[in-house]
C-alpha atoms as a PDB file:
ATOM      1  CA  MET A   1      -8.615   8.016  -8.457  1.00  0.00           C
ATOM      2  CA  LYS A   2     -10.716  10.983  -7.369  1.00  0.00           C
ATOM      3  CA  ILE A   3      -9.322  14.075  -5.708  1.00  0.00           C
ATOM      4  CA  LEU A   4      -9.847  13.648  -1.913  1.00  0.00           C
ATOM      5  CA  SER A   5     -10.296  16.848   0.385  1.00  0.00           C
ATOM      6  CA  SER A   6      -9.347  17.408   3.910  1.00  0.00           C
ATOM      7  CA  SER A   7      -9.692  20.602   5.952  1.00  0.00           C
ATOM      8  CA  HIS A   8      -6.826  22.528   4.332  1.00  0.00           C
ATOM      9  CA  ALA A   9      -5.865  20.531   1.215  1.00  0.00           C
ATOM     10  CA  GLN A  10      -6.882  18.595  -1.703  1.00  0.00           C
ATOM     11  CA  HIS A  11      -5.061  15.624  -2.755  1.00  0.00           C
ATOM     12  CA  CYS A  12      -4.927  12.723  -4.985  1.00  0.00           C
ATOM     13  CA  LEU A  13      -2.128  10.507  -3.843  1.00  0.00           C
ATOM     14  CA  GLY A  14      -2.222   6.820  -4.820  1.00  0.00           C
ATOM     15  CA  TYR A  15       0.444   4.158  -4.082  1.00  0.00           C
ATOM     16  CA  HIS A  16       1.354   0.741  -5.516  1.00  0.00           C
ATOM     17  CA  ILE A  17       2.903  -1.188  -2.485  1.00  0.00           C
ATOM     18  CA  ILE A  18       4.455  -4.676  -2.780  1.00  0.00           C
ATOM     19  CA  VAL A  19       5.244  -6.597   0.314  1.00  0.00           C
ATOM     20  CA  VAL A  20       7.261  -9.930   0.280  1.00  0.00           C
ATOM     21  CA  PRO A  21       6.945 -12.322   3.162  1.00  0.00           C
ATOM     22  CA  ASN A  22       9.899 -13.136   5.349  1.00  0.00           C
ATOM     23  CA  THR A  23      10.009 -16.750   3.933  1.00  0.00           C
ATOM     24  CA  VAL A  24      11.109 -18.426   0.826  1.00  0.00           C
ATOM     25  CA  LEU A  25       8.092 -20.567   0.712  1.00  0.00           C
ATOM     26  CA  PRO A  26       4.866 -19.839  -1.003  1.00  0.00           C
ATOM     27  CA  VAL A  27       2.591 -19.510   2.050  1.00  0.00           C
ATOM     28  CA  LEU A  28      -0.021 -16.878   1.254  1.00  0.00           C
ATOM     29  CA  GLU A  29      -2.649 -19.165  -0.247  1.00  0.00           C
ATOM     30  CA  GLY A  30      -5.705 -20.929   0.714  1.00  0.00           C
ATOM     31  CA  ALA A  31      -7.146 -19.700   3.946  1.00  0.00           C
ATOM     32  CA  VAL A  32      -4.355 -17.492   4.652  1.00  0.00           C
ATOM     33  CA  GLU A  33      -5.015 -15.711   1.403  1.00  0.00           C
ATOM     34  CA  VAL A  34      -8.418 -15.278   2.125  1.00  0.00           C
ATOM     35  CA  GLU A  35      -7.944 -13.959   5.598  1.00  0.00           C
ATOM     36  CA  LEU A  36      -4.900 -11.666   4.478  1.00  0.00           C
ATOM     37  CA  LYS A  37      -7.172 -10.076   1.976  1.00  0.00           C
ATOM     38  CA  ARG A  38      -9.935  -9.395   4.458  1.00  0.00           C
ATOM     39  CA  ILE A  39      -7.549  -7.884   6.955  1.00  0.00           C
ATOM     40  CA  ILE A  40      -6.043  -5.578   4.512  1.00  0.00           C
ATOM     41  CA  GLY A  41      -9.436  -4.351   3.643  1.00  0.00           C
ATOM     42  CA  GLU A  42     -10.248  -3.959   7.340  1.00  0.00           C
ATOM     43  CA  ILE A  43      -6.999  -1.866   8.021  1.00  0.00           C
ATOM     44  CA  CYS A  44      -7.575   0.439   5.027  1.00  0.00           C
ATOM     45  CA  LYS A  45     -11.068   1.077   6.151  1.00  0.00           C
ATOM     46  CA  THR A  46      -9.974   1.749   9.779  1.00  0.00           C
ATOM     47  CA  TYR A  47      -7.119   4.133   8.523  1.00  0.00           C
ATOM     48  CA  ARG A  48      -9.611   5.700   6.014  1.00  0.00           C
ATOM     49  CA  TRP A  49      -7.241   4.842   3.243  1.00  0.00           C
ATOM     50  CA  LYS A  50      -9.096   4.138  -0.188  1.00  0.00           C
ATOM     51  CA  LEU A  51      -8.313   0.538  -1.345  1.00  0.00           C
ATOM     52  CA  HIS A  52      -8.532   0.519  -4.925  1.00  0.00           C
ATOM     53  CA  ALA A  53      -7.069  -3.110  -5.406  1.00  0.00           C
ATOM     54  CA  ARG A  54      -5.198  -5.901  -3.663  1.00  0.00           C
ATOM     55  CA  SER A  55      -3.955  -9.224  -4.895  1.00  0.00           C
ATOM     56  CA  ILE A  56      -2.446 -11.879  -2.622  1.00  0.00           C
ATOM     57  CA  MET A  57       0.129 -13.955  -4.509  1.00  0.00           C
ATOM     58  CA  PRO A  58       1.602 -17.145  -2.800  1.00  0.00           C
ATOM     59  CA  ASP A  59       4.933 -15.271  -2.388  1.00  0.00           C
ATOM     60  CA  HIS A  60       3.941 -11.605  -2.066  1.00  0.00           C
ATOM     61  CA  VAL A  61       1.236  -9.223  -1.878  1.00  0.00           C
ATOM     62  CA  HIS A  62       0.111  -6.058  -4.141  1.00  0.00           C
ATOM     63  CA  VAL A  63      -1.814  -3.162  -2.800  1.00  0.00           C
ATOM     64  CA  PHE A  64      -3.086  -0.127  -4.595  1.00  0.00           C
ATOM     65  CA  VAL A  65      -4.185   2.526  -2.115  1.00  0.00           C
ATOM     66  CA  GLN A  66      -4.885   6.202  -1.780  1.00  0.00           C
ATOM     67  CA  ALA A  67      -4.241   8.004   1.174  1.00  0.00           C
ATOM     68  CA  ASP A  68      -4.181  11.547   2.396  1.00  0.00           C
ATOM     69  CA  HIS A  69      -1.265  14.069   1.899  1.00  0.00           C
ATOM     70  CA  THR A  70      -0.127  13.636   5.611  1.00  0.00           C
ATOM     71  CA  THR A  71       0.224   9.880   5.197  1.00  0.00           C
ATOM     72  CA  ALA A  72       3.605   8.652   3.982  1.00  0.00           C
ATOM     73  CA  PRO A  73       3.703   5.463   1.899  1.00  0.00           C
ATOM     74  CA  VAL A  74       6.133   3.809   4.239  1.00  0.00           C
ATOM     75  CA  GLU A  75       3.765   4.387   6.994  1.00  0.00           C
ATOM     76  CA  ILE A  76       0.906   2.546   5.036  1.00  0.00           C
ATOM     77  CA  ALA A  77       3.374  -0.405   4.282  1.00  0.00           C
ATOM     78  CA  LYS A  78       4.486  -0.628   7.895  1.00  0.00           C
ATOM     79  CA  THR A  79       0.811  -0.567   9.340  1.00  0.00           C
ATOM     80  CA  ILE A  80      -0.358  -3.179   6.930  1.00  0.00           C
ATOM     81  CA  LYS A  81       2.577  -5.272   7.527  1.00  0.00           C
ATOM     82  CA  SER A  82       2.475  -5.086  11.333  1.00  0.00           C
ATOM     83  CA  ILE A  83      -1.265  -5.482  11.759  1.00  0.00           C
ATOM     84  CA  SER A  84      -1.617  -8.267   9.382  1.00  0.00           C
ATOM     85  CA  ALA A  85       1.208 -10.106  10.682  1.00  0.00           C
ATOM     86  CA  VAL A  86      -0.161 -10.108  14.294  1.00  0.00           C
ATOM     87  CA  HIS A  87      -3.587 -11.216  12.957  1.00  0.00           C
ATOM     88  CA  ILE A  88      -2.407 -13.854  10.571  1.00  0.00           C
ATOM     89  CA  PHE A  89      -0.006 -15.343  13.316  1.00  0.00           C
ATOM     90  CA  SER A  90      -2.632 -15.510  15.888  1.00  0.00           C
ATOM     91  CA  THR A  91      -4.969 -17.107  13.585  1.00  0.00           C
ATOM     92  CA  PHE A  92      -2.734 -19.475  11.849  1.00  0.00           C
ATOM     93  CA  LYS A  93      -0.175 -20.383  14.608  1.00  0.00           C
ATOM     94  CA  GLU A  94       1.683 -23.136  12.735  1.00  0.00           C
ATOM     95  CA  LEU A  95       2.805 -20.606  10.137  1.00  0.00           C
ATOM     96  CA  LYS A  96       5.007 -18.763  12.721  1.00  0.00           C
ATOM     97  CA  LYS A  97       6.472 -22.022  13.994  1.00  0.00           C
ATOM     98  CA  ARG A  98       7.532 -23.518  10.654  1.00  0.00           C
ATOM     99  CA  ARG A  99       7.805 -21.152   7.979  1.00  0.00           C
ATOM    100  CA  PHE A 100       8.823 -17.696   9.024  1.00  0.00           C
ATOM    101  CA  TRP A 101      12.117 -16.292  10.581  1.00  0.00           C
ATOM    102  CA  GLY A 102      12.545 -13.101  12.807  1.00  0.00           C
ATOM    103  CA  SER A 103       9.636 -11.386  14.322  1.00  0.00           C
ATOM    104  CA  GLY A 104       7.555 -10.038  11.529  1.00  0.00           C
ATOM    105  CA  MET A 105       5.860 -11.500   8.520  1.00  0.00           C
ATOM    106  CA  GLY A 106       7.138  -9.120   5.960  1.00  0.00           C
ATOM    107  CA  ARG A 107      10.778  -8.528   4.728  1.00  0.00           C
ATOM    108  CA  ASP A 108      12.424  -5.149   5.021  1.00  0.00           C
ATOM    109  CA  GLY A 109      12.472  -4.643   1.334  1.00  0.00           C
ATOM    110  CA  THR A 110       9.104  -3.234   0.114  1.00  0.00           C
ATOM    111  CA  PHE A 111       8.483  -1.842  -3.306  1.00  0.00           C
ATOM    112  CA  TYR A 112       6.737   1.697  -3.493  1.00  0.00           C
ATOM    113  CA  SER A 113       5.342   3.434  -6.806  1.00  0.00           C
ATOM    114  CA  SER A 114       3.378   6.337  -6.941  1.00  0.00           C
ATOM    115  CA  VAL A 115       0.207   6.215  -9.122  1.00  0.00           C
ATOM    116  CA  GLY A 116      -1.418   9.193 -10.840  1.00  0.00           C
ATOM    117  CA  GLY A 117      -3.311  10.373 -13.785  1.00  0.00           C
ATOM    118  CA  VAL A 118      -0.517  12.682 -15.233  1.00  0.00           C
ATOM    119  CA  SER A 119       2.629  11.365 -16.907  1.00  0.00           C
ATOM    120  CA  GLU A 120       6.077  12.560 -16.005  1.00  0.00           C
ATOM    121  CA  LYS A 121       6.330  14.318 -19.347  1.00  0.00           C
ATOM    122  CA  ALA A 122       3.231  16.348 -18.789  1.00  0.00           C
ATOM    123  CA  ILE A 123       4.464  17.447 -15.214  1.00  0.00           C
ATOM    124  CA  LYS A 124       7.815  18.341 -16.713  1.00  0.00           C
ATOM    125  CA  GLN A 125       6.233  20.348 -19.449  1.00  0.00           C
ATOM    126  CA  TYR A 126       3.629  22.104 -17.071  1.00  0.00           C
ATOM    127  CA  ILE A 127       6.488  23.273 -14.725  1.00  0.00           C
ATOM    128  CA  GLU A 128       8.878  24.387 -17.553  1.00  0.00           C
ATOM    129  CA  THR A 129       6.298  26.408 -19.318  1.00  0.00           C
ATOM    130  CA  GLN A 130       4.950  28.417 -16.178  1.00  0.00           C
ATOM    131  CA  LYS A 131       6.693  31.724 -17.051  1.00  0.00           C
ATOM    132  CA  GLN A 132       5.173  31.451 -20.695  1.00  0.00           C
ATOM    133  CA  ARG A 133       1.465  31.283 -19.408  1.00  0.00           C
ATOM    134  CA  ASP A 134      -0.854  34.131 -18.878  1.00  0.00           C
ATOM    135  CA  HIS A 135      -1.534  33.869 -15.219  1.00  0.00           C
ATOM    136  CA  THR A 136      -3.968  36.929 -15.056  1.00  0.00           C
ATOM    137  CA  LYS A 137      -6.872  34.904 -16.132  1.00  0.00           C
END
């Protein structure tokens, strides 16, 4: 990931998000998979999120996305879930009738993981050794 800049900050925040459809059936295949992949790309482009990777499995979706420091990962997931659900249900009307329950496409349970180039151990060591460094250089 590259370090991104905005008017008052630099940031390098990437997220691995997994969304599971609100059904027990494997429905994200064929034409639905192709369209969902496309719409996720469009959503990321519209919101200016850098889409590093996405994978549509028959029963869940993986997204690796980089966003600015003002965008919470939960907002990324909510946006992707809501816009893609409206689009998929309007394009594939039979899905809503037969395969899903409730109002949305995604379950409430979403997986979030931060992605970065520095390990937990390196960050801890950096913080714990701050007083030992010469900060005058």
